[in-house]
Protein backbone atom coordinates (compact mmCIF):
# COMPACT_ATOMS: atom_id res chain seq x y z
CA MET A 1 -68.79 84.78 -50.04
CA ASN A 2 -71.75 86.77 -48.80
CA GLU A 3 -73.63 86.30 -45.54
CA LEU A 4 -76.50 84.35 -47.12
CA GLU A 5 -74.06 81.88 -48.71
CA ARG A 6 -72.22 81.46 -45.38
CA HIS A 7 -75.46 80.83 -43.53
CA THR A 8 -76.65 78.33 -46.14
CA LEU A 9 -73.40 76.36 -45.81
CA LEU A 10 -73.50 76.42 -42.01
CA LYS A 11 -77.09 75.17 -42.02
CA GLN A 12 -75.98 72.27 -44.23
CA ILE A 13 -73.45 70.94 -41.73
CA LEU A 14 -75.75 71.23 -38.72
CA TRP A 15 -79.00 70.39 -40.50
CA ASP A 16 -80.05 67.88 -37.86
CA TYR A 17 -79.89 70.35 -34.95
CA ASP A 18 -82.04 73.38 -34.27
CA ILE A 19 -79.13 75.74 -33.70
CA PRO A 20 -79.50 79.33 -34.91
CA VAL A 21 -76.97 80.20 -37.60
CA ASP A 22 -76.13 83.42 -35.74
CA SER A 23 -75.01 81.31 -32.76
CA ILE A 24 -72.78 79.23 -35.02
CA GLU A 25 -71.28 82.42 -36.49
CA ASP A 26 -70.66 83.76 -32.96
CA VAL A 27 -68.75 80.58 -32.08
CA LEU A 28 -66.71 80.79 -35.28
CA LYS A 29 -65.84 84.41 -34.47
CA GLY A 30 -64.87 83.45 -30.92
CA GLU A 31 -67.66 85.54 -29.38
CA LYS A 32 -69.34 82.48 -27.82
CA SER A 33 -67.83 79.23 -26.64
CA MET A 34 -70.62 76.94 -27.84
CA ALA A 35 -73.56 76.72 -30.23
CA GLY A 36 -75.77 73.97 -28.93
CA HIS A 37 -73.25 71.30 -27.95
CA TYR A 38 -70.73 72.35 -30.63
CA THR A 39 -67.45 74.10 -29.91
CA ARG A 40 -65.48 76.03 -32.53
CA GLU A 41 -63.18 73.04 -32.96
CA MET A 42 -66.12 70.68 -33.52
CA ILE A 43 -67.72 72.99 -36.08
CA PHE A 44 -64.37 73.33 -37.85
CA GLN A 45 -64.03 69.54 -37.98
CA LYS A 46 -67.50 69.17 -39.49
CA MET A 47 -66.62 71.84 -42.03
CA ILE A 48 -63.41 70.19 -43.20
CA GLU A 49 -65.26 66.89 -43.52
CA SER A 50 -67.99 68.51 -45.60
CA PHE A 51 -66.51 71.37 -47.62
CA SER A 52 -63.67 71.92 -50.05
CA TRP A 53 -60.49 73.71 -49.03
CA PHE A 54 -61.62 76.71 -51.07
CA THR A 55 -64.76 76.99 -48.96
CA ILE A 56 -62.84 76.60 -45.70
CA VAL A 57 -60.56 79.54 -46.51
CA ASN A 58 -63.66 81.72 -46.93
CA PHE A 59 -64.56 81.09 -43.29
CA PHE A 60 -61.14 81.19 -41.63
CA THR A 61 -57.82 82.97 -42.03
CA PRO A 62 -54.71 80.83 -42.53
CA GLY A 63 -53.71 81.64 -38.94
CA GLU A 64 -57.07 80.46 -37.61
CA ILE A 65 -56.80 77.27 -39.65
CA ARG A 66 -53.30 76.71 -38.27
CA GLN A 67 -54.67 77.06 -34.73
CA LEU A 68 -57.73 74.85 -35.29
CA LEU A 69 -56.08 72.13 -37.36
CA THR A 70 -54.71 70.10 -34.47
CA HIS A 71 -53.69 66.45 -34.28
CA LYS A 72 -56.91 65.82 -32.34
CA VAL A 73 -59.09 67.27 -35.11
CA ILE A 74 -57.18 65.41 -37.82
CA ASN A 75 -57.34 62.10 -35.94
CA ASN A 76 -61.11 62.50 -35.52
CA LEU A 77 -61.72 62.85 -39.27
CA ARG A 78 -63.67 59.87 -40.57
CA ALA A 79 -61.94 59.46 -43.95
CA PRO A 80 -58.30 58.30 -43.97
CA SER A 81 -57.70 60.33 -47.14
CA LEU A 82 -58.85 63.51 -45.37
CA ARG A 83 -56.59 62.74 -42.40
CA LYS A 84 -53.63 62.38 -44.78
CA ASN A 85 -54.46 65.56 -46.71
CA TYR A 86 -55.06 67.70 -43.64
CA GLU A 87 -51.94 66.41 -41.89
CA PHE A 88 -50.02 67.72 -44.91
CA VAL A 89 -51.86 71.07 -44.64
CA ARG A 90 -51.16 71.26 -40.89
CA LYS A 91 -47.43 70.69 -41.39
CA ARG A 92 -47.27 73.18 -44.22
CA LEU A 93 -49.09 75.88 -42.25
CA GLN A 94 -46.71 75.37 -39.34
CA GLU A 95 -43.81 75.97 -41.71
CA ILE A 96 -45.15 79.17 -43.24
CA ILE A 97 -47.10 80.80 -40.37
CA PRO A 98 -45.25 81.54 -37.14
CA ALA A 99 -46.84 80.38 -33.90
CA ALA A 100 -48.66 83.07 -31.94
CA GLY A 101 -47.11 84.21 -28.72
């Protein structure tokens, strides 16, 4: 995925806020703590509610997904089917990727 495609997708999830895409990218990279009122965790949650798994893995490494895919994020997902699917993903990632530290 190229930079233009990434930016287009990020604009789609935060279309209703005037937040520069570069600020969103900085938060995703961990270089800033917030873009507007969004944290990395909040942006991740919006992404997993909006995009396919194949798109998500273009933005984050499996280790980053393992770190971001917490019970809190999963419980905040609007669709019960997404909560079920991502709980499975969370458990699977914990099995195959060792915890940091």
